[in-house]
C-alpha cells in the first residue's frame, strides 16, 4: 500500500518513537559550535557517540572479508525502521544512526549503485516526500562524496537545521548568486559548483516537480562537465558529486575526495553543516576555516570535467 497524501510526517514521528523504544534507532549524541567564515555561520557538530556505528561498519567489513559479499543494510531493511512505501520503486526508512532527528532515507527497492546517476523515478520519490513537509534533501554521489553505503539512497532532514538563524546556514549567500541564464554560482564558494532556483510552487505537484528538477539536475551536471543521465536506463556517473535540494533551490558540487585531513565531508557540508569526530578535528576546522575544508574536497573552478 503506497503512501497516503498528508500522512508522511505523522508516520515518521510514530515510527521514530517506536524505533527508539525497540532500540532499532540509535541516535548519535552531538554538541555543536558556530564557526564564522566567508559570510556564513557554519554549524559544526561534534559527534560524541560513534562506537555503535563504528562497530556496525567493522562487522560489515568482517563479513565481507569472510564471505566476499558486500553487506547491504537496505536489502533487506530493518522492519522497525520502515516508514512508508513511497512508490513502486522506492521506500522510506529512518537513518539508523541519525545525528538529526527524523532523518529520512529514500532507498530503491532493488539494488542500484550509489554511483549510478539519479533517474526520474528517484526524483518522483523524493518530491512525493518533500511535498509532505519542509526539508533539505541531499545526495552523496559515491564514496568520495561522503556516501557510506553503496545502495542508492537520497536523504531528507527537516528544516530548519536549527531553531535560530537561517533555515540553511548558506542562505545568506544565495541572494548574491551570479547568473548566466538559468544557472548561477555563489561568489563566496572558491570551488567548482552550479546553483539553480526551482520554480515557485513546483512542490505542489510531485510529478511536475520531478520532471522539472530531473531536467535541471541533468543540465547542472553538463554545466560542470559531467555526464548527464540517460532516460532509457541506469548510467554510471562520470565523477563524484554532492547534490542539495530544497523546495526553492538546487546546488551541485563535483568532488575530488571525501576527506580533509581526517574530517569526512558529505553534501551537508556544502549547506554549511559539518561533522567532526573529536575536539582535535574541531580545532583543525576552526584554524583553517570551514570554507578551506570545502575547497580542498571539491574541484578548483578551473577543474571542470570535460
Protein backbone atom coordinates (compact mmCIF):
# COMPACT_ATOMS: atom_id res chain seq x y z
CA UNK A 1 0.00 0.00 0.00
CA UNK A 2 1.55 3.28 -1.14
CA UNK A 3 1.86 6.39 0.99
CA UNK A 4 -1.39 8.28 1.50
CA UNK A 5 -1.11 12.01 0.93
CA UNK A 6 -0.80 14.06 4.11
CA UNK A 7 0.37 11.18 6.34
CA UNK A 8 4.16 11.02 5.97
CA UNK A 9 5.19 13.33 8.80
CA UNK A 10 2.90 11.65 11.33
CA UNK A 11 4.26 8.29 10.20
CA UNK A 12 7.86 9.45 10.62
CA UNK A 13 7.13 10.61 14.17
CA UNK A 14 5.28 7.39 15.04
CA UNK A 15 7.99 5.11 13.68
CA UNK A 16 10.69 7.18 15.41
CA UNK A 17 9.01 6.76 18.79
CA UNK A 18 8.63 3.02 18.31
CA UNK A 19 12.16 2.51 16.95
CA UNK A 20 13.65 4.34 19.93
CA UNK A 21 11.76 2.02 22.28
CA UNK A 22 12.87 -1.14 20.47
CA UNK A 23 16.48 0.01 20.11
CA UNK A 24 16.35 -0.14 16.31
CA UNK A 25 17.08 3.60 16.11
CA UNK A 26 20.42 4.62 17.62
CA UNK A 27 20.80 8.42 17.56
CA UNK A 28 24.36 9.76 17.78
CA UNK A 29 24.66 12.42 20.52
CA UNK A 30 26.25 15.68 19.39
CA UNK A 31 27.21 19.11 20.58
CA UNK A 32 27.79 21.99 18.19
CA UNK A 33 29.54 25.28 17.66
CA UNK A 34 29.13 28.05 15.10
CA UNK A 35 32.25 28.94 13.12
CA UNK A 36 32.12 32.15 11.06
CA UNK A 37 33.75 32.14 7.64
CA UNK A 38 33.08 33.97 4.34
CA UNK A 39 29.79 35.48 5.50
CA UNK A 40 28.39 32.19 6.81
CA UNK A 41 27.91 30.91 10.34
CA UNK A 42 28.89 27.31 9.72
CA UNK A 43 27.25 24.80 12.02
CA UNK A 44 29.95 22.37 13.15
CA UNK A 45 28.67 19.39 15.13
CA UNK A 46 30.98 17.26 17.22
CA UNK A 47 29.94 13.63 17.48
CA UNK A 48 30.30 12.12 20.92
CA UNK A 49 28.95 8.59 20.46
CA UNK A 50 30.17 6.80 17.33
CA UNK A 51 31.03 3.47 18.97
CA UNK A 52 27.94 1.57 17.81
CA UNK A 53 28.17 2.89 14.26
CA UNK A 54 31.87 2.07 14.10
CA UNK A 55 31.17 -1.44 15.40
CA UNK A 56 28.47 -1.96 12.77
CA UNK A 57 30.86 -0.92 10.00
CA UNK A 58 33.60 -3.21 11.32
CA UNK A 59 31.11 -6.10 11.34
CA UNK A 60 30.22 -5.38 7.72
CA UNK A 61 33.91 -5.36 6.79
CA UNK A 62 34.49 -8.61 8.69
CA UNK A 63 31.60 -10.37 6.92
CA UNK A 64 32.84 -9.11 3.56
CA UNK A 65 36.34 -10.44 4.19
CA UNK A 66 34.87 -13.80 5.22
CA UNK A 67 32.18 -14.27 2.57
CA UNK A 68 33.34 -11.96 -0.22
CA UNK A 69 29.87 -10.39 -0.27
CA UNK A 70 29.16 -6.75 0.45
CA UNK A 71 26.71 -6.37 3.35
CA UNK A 72 23.72 -4.24 2.38
CA UNK A 73 21.70 -2.86 5.35
CA UNK A 74 18.97 -1.71 2.95
CA UNK A 75 18.33 -5.09 1.35
CA UNK A 76 16.60 -6.12 3.44
CA UNK A 77 16.00 -3.00 5.55
CA UNK A 78 15.08 -3.28 9.24
CA UNK A 79 11.31 -3.53 9.62
CA UNK A 80 11.37 -1.34 12.74
CA UNK A 81 12.91 1.48 10.67
CA UNK A 82 10.42 1.23 7.79
CA UNK A 83 8.35 4.40 7.35
CA UNK A 84 6.36 4.10 4.10
CA UNK A 85 6.09 2.69 0.60
CA UNK A 86 6.75 5.82 -1.44
CA UNK A 87 6.37 4.37 -4.94
CA UNK A 88 6.70 1.17 -6.91
CA UNK A 89 10.46 1.78 -6.98
CA UNK A 90 11.27 3.36 -3.60
CA UNK A 91 10.62 3.02 0.13
CA UNK A 92 11.38 5.39 3.01
CA UNK A 93 13.21 4.28 6.14
CA UNK A 94 14.75 6.07 9.10
CA UNK A 95 18.51 6.60 9.26
CA UNK A 96 19.54 4.10 11.95
CA UNK A 97 22.49 6.16 13.21
CA UNK A 98 20.95 9.61 12.95
CA UNK A 99 22.55 12.87 14.02
CA UNK A 100 19.49 14.98 13.16
CA UNK A 101 16.06 13.92 14.39
CA UNK A 102 13.65 12.43 11.82
CA UNK A 103 16.39 11.84 9.25
CA UNK A 104 14.73 10.04 6.34
CA UNK A 105 16.37 7.79 3.73
CA UNK A 106 14.66 7.20 0.38
CA UNK A 107 16.04 3.91 -0.92
CA UNK A 108 15.48 1.91 -4.08
CA UNK A 109 13.55 -1.34 -3.62
CA UNK A 110 16.05 -3.20 -5.79
CA UNK A 111 19.79 -2.66 -5.60
CA UNK A 112 21.10 0.27 -7.59
CA UNK A 113 24.62 1.55 -7.09
CA UNK A 114 25.11 4.89 -5.35
CA UNK A 115 27.40 5.85 -8.22
CA UNK A 116 24.64 5.50 -10.80
CA UNK A 117 23.06 8.78 -11.86
CA UNK A 118 19.69 9.81 -10.48
CA UNK A 119 16.61 8.93 -12.53
CA UNK A 120 13.12 10.41 -12.95
CA UNK A 121 11.89 7.68 -10.55
CA UNK A 122 14.35 8.91 -7.90
CA UNK A 123 13.09 12.47 -8.26
CA UNK A 124 9.46 11.31 -8.20
CA UNK A 125 10.01 9.51 -4.89
CA UNK A 126 11.95 12.47 -3.49
CA UNK A 127 9.27 15.05 -4.30
CA UNK A 128 6.50 12.80 -3.00
CA UNK A 129 8.22 13.16 0.36
CA UNK A 130 9.18 16.83 0.05
CA UNK A 131 5.57 17.74 -0.72
CA UNK A 132 4.64 16.42 2.75
CA UNK A 133 6.93 18.58 4.90
CA UNK A 134 9.68 21.18 4.54
CA UNK A 135 13.07 19.55 4.37
CA UNK A 136 16.58 19.68 2.99
CA UNK A 137 17.27 16.87 0.54
CA UNK A 138 20.72 15.70 -0.40
CA UNK A 139 22.57 13.03 -2.34
CA UNK A 140 26.16 11.92 -1.89
CA UNK A 141 27.16 10.65 -5.31
CA UNK A 142 29.70 7.98 -4.43
CA UNK A 143 32.16 7.18 -1.64
CA UNK A 144 34.38 10.16 -2.49
CA UNK A 145 31.33 12.39 -2.00
CA UNK A 146 30.68 11.05 1.51
CA UNK A 147 28.36 8.09 0.78
CA UNK A 148 28.71 5.39 3.45
CA UNK A 149 26.53 2.77 1.67
CA UNK A 150 26.61 1.58 -1.94
CA UNK A 151 22.83 1.02 -2.21
CA UNK A 152 21.30 4.12 -3.81
CA UNK A 153 19.65 6.39 -1.26
CA UNK A 154 18.57 10.01 -1.18
CA UNK A 155 18.24 11.71 2.19
CA UNK A 156 15.96 14.32 3.75
CA UNK A 157 16.39 16.16 7.05
CA UNK A 158 13.70 18.53 8.38
CA UNK A 159 14.17 22.27 8.18
CA UNK A 160 15.24 24.44 9.85
CA UNK A 161 18.54 22.79 10.76
CA UNK A 162 18.50 24.85 13.96
CA UNK A 163 15.72 26.82 15.73
CA UNK A 164 17.54 30.16 15.28
CA UNK A 165 19.07 31.81 12.23
CA UNK A 166 18.53 30.92 8.57
CA UNK A 167 16.89 27.59 7.76
CA UNK A 168 20.07 26.54 5.93
CA UNK A 169 23.41 28.12 7.00
CA UNK A 170 24.44 29.09 3.44
CA UNK A 171 21.20 31.03 2.79
CA UNK A 172 22.88 34.48 3.24
CA UNK A 173 24.98 33.68 0.16
CA UNK A 174 22.08 32.83 -2.14
CA UNK A 175 20.90 36.40 -2.70
CA UNK A 176 24.36 37.19 -4.11
CA UNK A 177 24.32 34.41 -6.70
CA UNK A 178 25.57 35.45 -10.14
CA UNK A 179 23.62 34.02 -13.04
CA UNK A 180 24.25 33.27 -16.68
CA UNK A 181 20.83 32.26 -17.89
CA UNK A 182 19.16 29.74 -15.59
CA UNK A 183 22.34 28.73 -13.76
CA UNK A 184 24.44 30.62 -11.29
CA UNK A 185 27.39 30.50 -8.93
CA UNK A 186 27.88 31.74 -5.37
CA UNK A 187 30.80 34.19 -5.30
CA UNK A 188 31.84 33.07 -1.80
CA UNK A 189 32.40 29.48 -2.98
CA UNK A 190 36.02 29.17 -4.22
CA UNK A 191 35.45 25.86 -5.98
CA UNK A 192 33.53 24.40 -8.92
CA UNK A 193 29.75 24.34 -8.38
CA UNK A 194 26.46 25.27 -10.01
CA UNK A 195 23.32 26.75 -8.44
CA UNK A 196 19.74 26.99 -9.71
CA UNK A 197 16.40 28.24 -8.47
CA UNK A 198 13.34 25.97 -8.52
CA UNK A 199 10.13 27.41 -9.90
CA UNK A 200 7.82 28.70 -7.16
CA UNK A 201 5.03 26.29 -6.30
CA UNK A 202 6.67 23.34 -8.06
CA UNK A 203 6.37 21.17 -4.95
CA UNK A 204 2.55 21.23 -5.16
CA UNK A 205 2.69 18.60 -7.91
CA UNK A 206 5.34 15.91 -7.25
CA UNK A 207 5.20 14.57 -10.84
CA UNK A 208 5.76 18.05 -12.27
CA UNK A 209 8.44 18.78 -9.68
CA UNK A 210 10.20 15.52 -10.56
CA UNK A 211 10.12 16.27 -14.29
CA UNK A 212 11.36 19.82 -13.83
CA UNK A 213 14.16 19.07 -11.37
CA UNK A 214 15.36 16.00 -13.26
CA UNK A 215 15.92 18.24 -16.28
CA UNK A 216 17.64 20.88 -14.12
CA UNK A 217 19.83 18.23 -12.49
CA UNK A 218 20.84 16.87 -15.90
CA UNK A 219 21.72 20.35 -17.14
CA UNK A 220 23.69 21.13 -13.96
CA UNK A 221 25.83 18.05 -14.49
CA UNK A 222 26.56 19.14 -18.04
CA UNK A 223 27.35 22.64 -16.81
CA UNK A 224 30.24 21.32 -14.72
CA UNK A 225 31.43 18.97 -17.47
CA UNK A 226 29.95 15.73 -16.12
CA UNK A 227 27.88 13.06 -17.84
CA UNK A 228 24.11 13.58 -17.66
CA UNK A 229 21.62 10.72 -17.22
CA UNK A 230 20.02 8.67 -19.95
CA UNK A 231 16.25 8.32 -19.50
CA UNK A 232 16.37 4.85 -21.02
CA UNK A 233 18.33 3.21 -18.22
CA UNK A 234 20.82 3.42 -15.39
CA UNK A 235 24.07 5.15 -16.13
CA UNK A 236 27.18 5.40 -14.01
CA UNK A 237 28.27 8.88 -13.01
CA UNK A 238 31.46 10.25 -14.53
CA UNK A 239 32.73 11.52 -11.18
CA UNK A 240 31.72 12.00 -7.54
CA UNK A 241 29.48 14.93 -6.63
CA UNK A 242 27.14 16.25 -3.96
CA UNK A 243 23.60 17.47 -4.65
CA UNK A 244 21.47 19.58 -2.31
CA UNK A 245 17.79 20.30 -2.96
CA UNK A 246 15.24 22.41 -1.11
CA UNK A 247 11.79 23.49 -2.23
CA UNK A 248 13.37 26.66 -3.63
CA UNK A 249 16.83 25.84 -4.99
CA UNK A 250 19.39 23.22 -6.03
CA UNK A 251 23.17 23.15 -5.60
CA UNK A 252 25.56 20.67 -7.24
CA UNK A 253 29.25 20.37 -6.29
CA UNK A 254 31.71 17.98 -8.01
CA UNK A 255 34.05 16.32 -5.52
CA UNK A 256 37.75 15.47 -5.54
CA UNK A 257 37.81 13.36 -2.37
CA UNK A 258 35.87 12.59 0.83
CA UNK A 259 38.32 13.76 3.50
CA UNK A 260 40.01 16.97 4.51
CA UNK A 261 42.79 15.58 6.70
CA UNK A 262 40.71 13.15 8.78
CA UNK A 263 37.45 15.12 8.52
CA UNK A 264 34.82 13.42 6.34
CA UNK A 265 32.65 15.82 4.33
CA UNK A 266 29.29 14.96 2.75
CA UNK A 267 26.68 17.10 0.98
CA UNK A 268 25.54 18.78 4.20
CA UNK A 269 28.97 20.41 4.45
CA UNK A 270 28.16 22.46 1.33
CA UNK A 271 24.91 23.53 3.00
CA UNK A 272 27.05 24.92 5.84
CA UNK A 273 26.83 21.99 8.28
CA UNK A 274 29.98 19.99 9.05
CA UNK A 275 30.56 16.98 11.31
CA UNK A 276 33.72 16.26 13.29
CA UNK A 277 34.55 13.25 15.45
CA UNK A 278 36.51 14.90 18.26
CA UNK A 279 37.93 18.14 19.66
CA UNK A 280 41.12 17.77 17.63
CA UNK A 281 39.14 17.80 14.38
CA UNK A 282 37.04 20.72 15.65
CA UNK A 283 40.17 22.77 16.30
CA UNK A 284 41.54 21.86 12.86
CA UNK A 285 38.34 23.13 11.18
CA UNK A 286 38.45 26.33 13.23
CA UNK A 287 42.11 27.00 12.49
CA UNK A 288 41.92 26.58 8.71
CA UNK A 289 38.30 27.73 8.29
CA UNK A 290 35.30 25.69 7.06
CA UNK A 291 35.48 27.20 3.57
CA UNK A 292 39.02 25.86 3.19
CA UNK A 293 37.73 22.43 4.20
CA UNK A 294 35.12 22.58 1.44
CA UNK A 295 37.56 23.94 -1.15
CA UNK A 296 40.02 21.12 -0.51
CA UNK A 297 37.45 18.35 -1.05
CA UNK A 298 35.87 19.96 -4.13
CA UNK A 299 37.40 20.83 -7.51
CA UNK A 300 39.01 24.14 -8.46
CA UNK A 301 36.89 26.45 -10.59
CA UNK A 302 39.22 25.67 -13.47
CA UNK A 303 38.84 21.93 -12.83
CA UNK A 304 35.68 21.43 -14.90
CA UNK A 305 35.49 17.84 -16.09
CA UNK A 306 35.48 17.67 -19.87
